[in-house]
Amino acid sequence: MRRISVFGATGSIGGNTLDLIGRDPGAYRVVALTGGRNVARLAELARLHRAEIAVTANEDCLDDLRDRLSGSGIEAAAGQGALVDAARRPADWIMSAIVGAAGLAPGMAALEQGTTLALANKESLVCAGPLLLATARRHGATILPVDSEHSAVFQALIGEDVGAVERVIITASGGAFRDWPLERLARATPEQAACHPNWSMGQRITIDSASMFNKALELIETHEFFGIAPEKIEPLIHPESMIHAMVGFVDGALMAHVGPPDMRHAIGFALNWPHRQALPVERLDFAALGQFTFAAPDEIRYPALRLAREVMQAGGLAGAVFNGAKERALDAFIAGRIGFTDMAVVVEGVLTKMSADRLMNDTIALDTVAAADHLARRRTDEIIVARH
């Protein structure tokens, strides 16, 4: 029986992971489940899957969680320290699906026990890719990508020489506003941005899809995880979201990973790796689909893509700054403090200011990443206040 932990259990990735685990409960023992403020759902999942411990990231939710788990024998804990402690509990496979930079420390703790980390938290690689990969090597741990695009690249590279890769194409749906006139984008609301045409995801990642900040993070993630040079990584608009990524080789061959827009495929691949098992996902009917369409992304509409290239070229702590500023700008957009198109303007302003101050060149370590993240968020707030 494999011991499994799911960090970010109440989100869409965590929910899909537990859906797969729940289909074969005799094969798994759930160690830890974590979540945020939705303690009702966290407690429900912990009881359903008989977890050893449930952890909420929010310390003020601990009493509520304890009450909901009363009589179950399931331990309750809260706070960032409790998340890290839970990641240190022995497990064979850990899903890292906490949203944002908050997922880095638990992911590092998981790797230090030499386990397999299924990484859906792209921010960990964006903020501290070299540190994360070095930690995995040092402790004999395995990192498996769970973003659909990076799972696709990983699968296309099985048995291949990464040195023979000529290009990696990361596809994007284009998000909620791909067909909107440019002049209308400034007036877009959070509610409109949170309606994805293809995928069922949480509010924040769906808005990031509309702005392409999510795809910008994925470009950086591709560079960090696979060691692919930035100039070899290409974003491509693919509205149907059936081709998740393509890998081109020096002989002109192009390997495409095709599948339905269902995260259970990438999750299931990581869960069963290095083997393949039957998964409850749609089987595509190509005759019914008819055709796929593609378009080059417009960097005027999606300036986050240009910023991602600048971050990759800068290296160092630029990824941590970029992500921290992006998360804070997204907070401000959701709160109605800035407009949709202001997010990229604000993030670029933070990158420019912190680059000029030479604050992005420090060594990548947990403390320096945390400091860069904290300062980027503060700079973001300062720029937003100055703009208004």
Protein backbone atom coordinates (compact mmCIF):
# COMPACT_ATOMS: atom_id res chain seq x y z
CA MET A 1 0.00 0.00 0.00
CA ARG A 2 1.47 3.37 -1.06
CA ARG A 3 1.48 6.25 1.41
CA ILE A 4 0.13 9.41 -0.25
CA SER A 5 -0.11 13.07 0.81
CA VAL A 6 -1.96 15.81 -1.06
CA PHE A 7 -1.00 19.43 -0.46
CA GLY A 8 -3.75 21.71 -1.75
CA ALA A 9 -6.40 19.00 -1.39
CA THR A 10 -9.38 21.37 -1.60
CA GLY A 11 -8.38 22.86 -4.97
CA SER A 12 -9.08 21.49 -8.45
CA ILE A 13 -5.77 19.60 -8.73
CA GLY A 14 -6.12 18.16 -5.25
CA GLY A 15 -9.72 17.19 -5.90
CA ASN A 16 -8.82 15.39 -9.12
CA THR A 17 -5.95 13.62 -7.36
CA LEU A 18 -8.25 12.36 -4.63
CA ASP A 19 -10.80 11.32 -7.25
CA LEU A 20 -8.21 8.97 -8.75
CA ILE A 21 -7.03 7.71 -5.37
CA GLY A 22 -10.61 7.12 -4.27
CA ARG A 23 -11.23 4.79 -7.23
CA ASP A 24 -8.72 2.30 -5.80
CA PRO A 25 -8.75 2.95 -2.04
CA GLY A 26 -7.11 -0.38 -1.21
CA ALA A 27 -3.94 0.72 -3.00
CA TYR A 28 -3.33 3.87 -0.98
CA ARG A 29 -2.95 5.10 2.58
CA VAL A 30 -3.58 8.85 2.85
CA VAL A 31 -1.11 10.49 5.20
CA ALA A 32 -1.70 14.25 5.03
CA LEU A 33 -4.26 16.49 3.37
CA THR A 34 -3.87 20.27 3.43
CA GLY A 35 -5.98 23.23 2.42
CA GLY A 36 -6.74 26.86 3.11
CA ARG A 37 -9.87 28.44 4.53
CA ASN A 38 -12.30 25.86 3.16
CA VAL A 39 -11.99 23.76 6.30
CA ALA A 40 -15.42 22.20 5.81
CA ARG A 41 -14.24 20.61 2.57
CA LEU A 42 -10.84 19.76 4.05
CA ALA A 43 -12.44 17.96 6.99
CA GLU A 44 -14.87 16.16 4.68
CA LEU A 45 -12.01 14.90 2.50
CA ALA A 46 -9.92 13.92 5.51
CA ARG A 47 -12.77 11.82 6.89
CA LEU A 48 -13.59 10.32 3.49
CA HIS A 49 -10.01 9.25 2.81
CA ARG A 50 -9.15 8.49 6.46
CA ALA A 51 -6.14 10.77 6.50
CA GLU A 52 -3.72 10.72 9.40
CA ILE A 53 -3.59 14.52 9.58
CA ALA A 54 -5.39 17.53 8.06
CA VAL A 55 -3.63 20.88 7.96
CA THR A 56 -5.05 24.30 7.18
CA ALA A 57 -2.61 27.00 6.16
CA ASN A 58 -4.60 29.54 8.19
CA GLU A 59 -3.98 29.43 11.92
CA ASP A 60 -7.26 31.18 12.71
CA CYS A 61 -9.12 28.21 11.16
CA LEU A 62 -7.62 25.60 13.47
CA ASP A 63 -10.44 25.50 16.02
CA ASP A 64 -13.02 25.09 13.26
CA LEU A 65 -11.01 22.26 11.71
CA ARG A 66 -10.61 20.51 15.07
CA ASP A 67 -14.36 20.74 15.69
CA ARG A 68 -15.15 19.24 12.28
CA LEU A 69 -12.71 16.37 12.85
CA SER A 70 -13.82 15.70 16.42
CA GLY A 71 -14.21 11.99 17.11
CA SER A 72 -12.53 10.93 13.86
CA GLY A 73 -9.08 10.28 15.29
CA ILE A 74 -7.63 12.53 12.57
CA GLU A 75 -5.03 15.00 13.80
CA ALA A 76 -5.57 18.70 13.01
CA ALA A 77 -2.90 21.37 12.62
CA ALA A 78 -2.53 24.85 11.16
CA GLY A 79 0.02 27.34 9.85
CA GLN A 80 3.03 27.34 7.56
CA GLY A 81 5.16 25.43 10.03
CA ALA A 82 2.52 22.70 10.24
CA LEU A 83 2.51 22.42 6.43
CA VAL A 84 6.26 21.83 6.42
CA ASP A 85 5.99 19.32 9.27
CA ALA A 86 3.28 17.44 7.35
CA ALA A 87 5.55 17.33 4.28
CA ARG A 88 8.19 15.63 6.41
CA ARG A 89 5.86 12.77 7.32
CA PRO A 90 7.00 9.62 5.48
CA ALA A 91 5.12 9.22 2.20
CA ASP A 92 5.87 7.46 -1.06
CA TRP A 93 4.22 10.10 -3.24
CA ILE A 94 3.29 13.70 -2.48
CA MET A 95 1.14 15.98 -4.60
CA SER A 96 2.28 19.62 -4.40
CA ALA A 97 -0.76 21.63 -5.48
CA ILE A 98 -0.63 24.59 -3.10
CA VAL A 99 -1.15 27.74 -5.15
CA GLY A 100 1.66 30.30 -5.27
CA ALA A 101 5.04 30.72 -3.61
CA ALA A 102 3.61 29.25 -0.39
CA GLY A 103 4.12 25.80 -1.94
CA LEU A 104 7.92 26.07 -2.05
CA ALA A 105 8.83 25.29 1.58
CA PRO A 106 6.57 22.20 1.90
CA GLY A 107 7.84 20.96 -1.47
CA MET A 108 11.44 21.31 -0.32
CA ALA A 109 10.65 19.45 2.91
CA ALA A 110 9.06 16.63 0.89
CA LEU A 111 12.13 16.30 -1.33
CA GLU A 112 14.41 16.13 1.70
CA GLN A 113 12.83 12.81 2.67
CA GLY A 114 13.77 11.41 -0.77
CA THR A 115 10.20 10.85 -1.93
CA THR A 116 8.44 11.36 -5.27
CA LEU A 117 7.04 14.89 -5.58
CA ALA A 118 4.27 15.39 -8.13
CA LEU A 119 4.68 19.08 -8.83
CA ALA A 120 1.62 21.08 -9.80
CA ASN A 121 2.98 24.14 -7.97
CA LYS A 122 4.78 25.80 -10.90
CA GLU A 123 5.78 28.74 -8.72
CA SER A 124 8.33 26.54 -6.92
CA LEU A 125 10.34 26.11 -10.12
CA VAL A 126 9.81 29.72 -11.18
CA CYS A 127 11.05 31.09 -7.86
CA ALA A 128 13.74 28.55 -7.02
CA GLY A 129 14.21 26.05 -9.82
CA PRO A 130 17.96 25.40 -9.30
CA LEU A 131 17.47 24.99 -5.53
CA LEU A 132 14.54 22.59 -5.96
CA LEU A 133 16.33 20.40 -8.50
CA ALA A 134 19.57 20.35 -6.49
CA THR A 135 17.65 19.30 -3.37
CA ALA A 136 16.02 16.45 -5.29
CA ARG A 137 19.40 15.24 -6.57
CA ARG A 138 21.02 15.47 -3.14
CA HIS A 139 18.32 13.38 -1.46
CA GLY A 140 17.62 10.94 -4.28
CA ALA A 141 14.09 12.31 -4.71
CA THR A 142 12.07 12.39 -7.93
CA ILE A 143 10.13 15.38 -9.27
CA LEU A 144 7.35 14.64 -11.76
CA PRO A 145 5.65 17.56 -13.54
CA VAL A 146 1.86 17.73 -13.26
CA ASP A 147 1.06 20.83 -15.29
CA SER A 148 -0.54 19.35 -18.40
CA GLU A 149 2.03 21.07 -20.64
CA HIS A 150 5.06 19.90 -18.71
CA SER A 151 3.70 16.40 -18.26
CA ALA A 152 3.31 16.38 -22.06
CA VAL A 153 6.93 17.48 -22.59
CA PHE A 154 8.13 14.95 -20.02
CA GLN A 155 6.28 12.15 -21.82
CA ALA A 156 7.55 13.25 -25.24
CA LEU A 157 11.13 13.14 -23.95
CA ILE A 158 11.00 9.58 -22.57
CA GLY A 159 13.82 7.69 -24.25
CA GLU A 160 15.04 10.83 -26.01
CA ASP A 161 18.24 12.88 -25.75
CA VAL A 162 17.41 16.34 -24.42
CA GLY A 163 20.47 17.57 -26.32
CA ALA A 164 18.67 16.73 -29.57
CA VAL A 165 15.74 19.03 -28.75
CA GLU A 166 15.44 21.92 -31.19
CA ARG A 167 12.25 23.51 -29.87
CA VAL A 168 9.54 23.05 -27.27
CA ILE A 169 6.07 24.38 -28.07
CA ILE A 170 3.85 25.12 -25.08
CA THR A 171 0.23 25.55 -26.08
CA ALA A 172 -2.29 27.92 -24.55
CA SER A 173 -6.04 28.23 -24.93
CA GLY A 174 -5.83 32.02 -24.95
CA GLY A 175 -8.10 32.27 -21.93
CA ALA A 176 -11.38 34.05 -21.48
CA PHE A 177 -10.45 37.12 -23.53
CA ARG A 178 -8.72 35.61 -26.56
CA ASP A 179 -11.42 37.00 -28.90
CA TRP A 180 -12.01 40.32 -27.15
CA PRO A 181 -11.01 43.60 -28.83
CA LEU A 182 -7.86 44.98 -27.23
CA GLU A 183 -9.55 48.21 -26.19
CA ARG A 184 -12.10 46.26 -24.15
CA LEU A 185 -9.54 44.44 -21.99
CA ALA A 186 -8.95 47.37 -19.63
CA ARG A 187 -12.61 47.15 -18.55
CA ALA A 188 -12.63 43.38 -17.96
CA THR A 189 -13.88 42.29 -14.53
CA PRO A 190 -12.56 39.50 -12.30
CA GLU A 191 -15.81 37.61 -12.84
CA GLN A 192 -15.36 37.71 -16.61
CA ALA A 193 -11.70 36.70 -16.36
CA ALA A 194 -12.57 33.71 -14.15
CA CYS A 195 -14.64 31.98 -16.86
CA HIS A 196 -12.30 29.66 -18.76
CA PRO A 197 -13.53 28.40 -22.15
CA ASN A 198 -12.05 24.89 -21.76
CA TRP A 199 -10.67 24.05 -18.31
CA SER A 200 -12.38 23.87 -14.93
CA MET A 201 -9.91 25.52 -12.53
CA GLY A 202 -9.78 27.79 -9.51
CA GLN A 203 -10.35 31.55 -9.72
CA ARG A 204 -6.73 32.66 -9.54
CA ILE A 205 -5.28 30.29 -12.12
CA THR A 206 -8.22 30.98 -14.47
CA ILE A 207 -7.57 34.73 -14.30
CA ASP A 208 -3.87 34.03 -14.84
CA SER A 209 -4.88 32.10 -17.95
CA ALA A 210 -6.81 35.09 -19.27
CA SER A 211 -3.80 37.37 -18.77
CA MET A 212 -1.36 34.63 -19.89
CA PHE A 213 0.61 35.11 -16.68
CA ASN A 214 -0.01 31.41 -16.16
CA LYS A 215 1.61 30.65 -19.52
CA ALA A 216 4.46 33.02 -18.70
CA LEU A 217 5.15 31.00 -15.56
CA GLU A 218 5.02 27.82 -17.63
CA LEU A 219 7.64 29.13 -20.06
CA ILE A 220 9.97 29.76 -17.12
CA GLU A 221 9.06 26.37 -15.64
CA THR A 222 9.99 24.66 -18.93
CA HIS A 223 13.36 26.40 -18.92
CA GLU A 224 14.09 25.48 -15.32
CA PHE A 225 12.83 21.89 -15.24
CA PHE A 226 14.10 20.63 -18.58
CA GLY A 227 17.12 22.92 -19.01
CA ILE A 228 15.78 24.17 -22.36
CA ALA A 229 17.27 27.47 -23.56
CA PRO A 230 14.71 30.33 -23.50
CA GLU A 231 14.99 30.95 -27.25
CA LYS A 232 13.92 27.33 -27.91
CA ILE A 233 10.64 27.66 -25.99
CA GLU A 234 7.64 28.83 -28.01
CA PRO A 235 4.11 29.66 -26.79
CA LEU A 236 1.32 28.87 -29.25
CA ILE A 237 -2.39 29.64 -29.07
CA HIS A 238 -4.41 26.44 -29.51
CA PRO A 239 -8.08 27.18 -28.62
CA GLU A 240 -9.18 23.53 -28.51
CA SER A 241 -6.69 22.66 -25.70
CA MET A 242 -6.23 19.13 -27.07
CA ILE A 243 -2.51 19.35 -27.91
CA HIS A 244 -0.79 20.19 -24.64
CA ALA A 245 2.78 20.52 -25.89
CA MET A 246 5.04 19.58 -28.78
CA VAL A 247 8.73 18.75 -28.77
CA GLY A 248 10.75 19.26 -31.94
CA PHE A 249 14.07 17.54 -32.57
CA VAL A 250 17.10 18.38 -34.70
CA ASP A 251 16.03 15.90 -37.39
CA GLY A 252 12.77 17.79 -37.94
CA ALA A 253 10.58 15.30 -36.06
CA LEU A 254 7.86 16.80 -33.86
CA MET A 255 6.31 14.82 -31.01
CA ALA A 256 2.88 16.08 -29.94
CA HIS A 257 1.04 15.03 -26.81
CA VAL A 258 -2.70 14.97 -27.49
CA GLY A 259 -5.48 14.44 -24.97
CA PRO A 260 -8.70 15.92 -23.59
CA PRO A 261 -8.56 18.98 -21.30
CA ASP A 262 -8.77 16.83 -18.16
CA MET A 263 -6.11 17.22 -15.46
CA ARG A 264 -6.63 13.62 -14.36
CA HIS A 265 -4.46 12.54 -17.29
CA ALA A 266 -1.35 14.39 -16.11
CA ILE A 267 -2.09 13.57 -12.47
CA GLY A 268 -2.68 9.92 -13.28
CA PHE A 269 0.53 9.70 -15.28
CA ALA A 270 2.50 11.03 -12.30
CA LEU A 271 0.59 8.83 -9.85
CA ASN A 272 1.31 5.63 -11.80
CA TRP A 273 4.75 6.51 -13.21
CA PRO A 274 6.83 4.75 -14.49
CA HIS A 275 3.88 2.63 -15.67
CA ARG A 276 0.65 3.55 -17.40
CA GLN A 277 -2.70 2.58 -15.95
CA ALA A 278 -6.25 2.97 -17.26
CA LEU A 279 -7.67 6.41 -16.45
CA PRO A 280 -11.30 7.66 -16.47
CA VAL A 281 -10.70 10.31 -19.13
CA GLU A 282 -12.38 10.92 -22.47
CA ARG A 283 -11.06 9.08 -25.52
CA LEU A 284 -10.80 11.50 -28.43
CA ASP A 285 -12.77 11.02 -31.65
CA PHE A 286 -10.65 12.83 -34.23
CA ALA A 287 -13.28 12.51 -36.95
CA ALA A 288 -15.77 14.30 -34.70
CA LEU A 289 -13.21 16.94 -33.72
CA GLY A 290 -12.58 17.72 -37.37
CA GLN A 291 -9.64 20.10 -37.04
CA PHE A 292 -7.24 21.86 -34.69
CA THR A 293 -6.46 25.57 -34.95
CA PHE A 294 -3.37 27.52 -33.99
CA ALA A 295 -2.25 31.15 -33.81
CA ALA A 296 0.85 32.99 -32.70
CA PRO A 297 0.24 34.85 -29.42
CA ASP A 298 0.09 38.64 -29.62
CA GLU A 299 2.51 40.04 -27.02
CA ILE A 300 0.63 43.34 -27.03
CA ARG A 301 -2.44 41.46 -25.83
CA TYR A 302 -0.29 39.20 -23.62
CA PRO A 303 2.68 41.25 -22.33
CA ALA A 304 3.32 38.64 -19.62
CA LEU A 305 4.99 36.46 -22.28
CA ARG A 306 7.57 39.17 -23.02
CA LEU A 307 8.22 39.63 -19.32
CA ALA A 308 8.80 35.88 -18.92
CA ARG A 309 11.56 35.98 -21.53
CA GLU A 310 13.20 38.89 -19.74
CA VAL A 311 13.01 36.97 -16.45
CA MET A 312 14.62 33.89 -18.00
CA GLN A 313 17.43 35.99 -19.42
CA ALA A 314 17.99 37.75 -16.09
CA GLY A 315 18.10 34.56 -14.00
CA GLY A 316 18.93 34.72 -10.30
CA LEU A 317 16.01 35.83 -8.15
CA ALA A 318 14.15 37.41 -11.08
CA GLY A 319 11.65 34.52 -11.07
CA ALA A 320 10.85 35.04 -7.39
CA VAL A 321 10.37 38.78 -7.98
CA PHE A 322 8.21 38.15 -11.04
CA ASN A 323 5.98 35.66 -9.24
CA GLY A 324 5.65 37.74 -6.06
CA ALA A 325 4.69 40.84 -8.03
CA LYS A 326 2.29 38.83 -10.18
CA GLU A 327 0.53 37.33 -7.16
CA ARG A 328 0.17 40.72 -5.48
CA ALA A 329 -1.06 42.39 -8.67
CA LEU A 330 -3.61 39.61 -9.07
CA ASP A 331 -4.80 40.24 -5.50
CA ALA A 332 -5.28 43.90 -6.39
CA PHE A 333 -7.22 43.07 -9.57
CA ILE A 334 -9.53 40.66 -7.75
CA ALA A 335 -10.10 43.34 -5.08
CA GLY A 336 -10.98 45.92 -7.76
CA ARG A 337 -7.98 48.15 -6.99
CA ILE A 338 -6.47 47.93 -10.49
CA GLY A 339 -7.71 46.99 -13.94
CA PHE A 340 -7.01 43.82 -15.88
CA THR A 341 -4.34 45.35 -18.12
CA ASP A 342 -2.74 47.15 -15.16
CA MET A 343 -1.41 43.87 -13.81
CA ALA A 344 1.32 43.53 -16.43
CA VAL A 345 2.22 47.21 -16.15
CA VAL A 346 2.64 46.92 -12.39
CA VAL A 347 4.69 43.70 -12.60
CA GLU A 348 7.00 45.22 -15.19
CA GLY A 349 7.45 48.25 -12.96
CA VAL A 350 8.49 46.02 -10.05
CA LEU A 351 10.97 44.09 -12.21
CA THR A 352 12.47 47.33 -13.51
CA LYS A 353 12.81 48.88 -10.06
CA MET A 354 14.29 45.81 -8.39
CA SER A 355 16.69 45.23 -11.29
CA ALA A 356 17.94 48.80 -11.02
CA ASP A 357 18.44 48.30 -7.29
CA ARG A 358 20.44 45.11 -8.02
CA LEU A 359 18.15 43.21 -5.70
CA MET A 360 17.72 40.16 -7.94
CA ASN A 361 21.30 38.92 -8.13
CA ASP A 362 21.62 37.17 -4.78
CA THR A 363 22.16 33.42 -4.40
CA ILE A 364 19.01 31.30 -4.66
CA ALA A 365 18.21 29.89 -1.20
CA LEU A 366 14.99 29.60 0.80
CA ASP A 367 15.73 32.76 2.76
CA THR A 368 16.78 34.87 -0.24
CA VAL A 369 13.76 33.68 -2.26
CA ALA A 370 11.47 34.57 0.66
CA ALA A 371 13.12 37.99 0.98
CA ALA A 372 12.80 38.69 -2.76
CA ASP A 373 9.17 37.59 -2.71
CA HIS A 374 8.39 39.79 0.29
CA LEU A 375 10.10 42.84 -1.21
CA ALA A 376 8.46 42.32 -4.60
CA ARG A 377 5.04 42.32 -2.95
CA ARG A 378 5.89 45.50 -1.06
CA ARG A 379 7.13 47.20 -4.22
CA THR A 380 3.94 46.11 -5.98
CA ASP A 381 1.81 47.76 -3.31
CA GLU A 382 3.88 50.93 -3.56
CA ILE A 383 3.44 51.12 -7.32
CA ILE A 384 -0.30 50.49 -7.07
CA VAL A 385 -0.70 53.24 -4.48
CA ALA A 386 1.37 55.64 -6.60
CA ARG A 387 -0.79 54.91 -9.67
CA HIS A 388 -3.91 55.88 -7.75
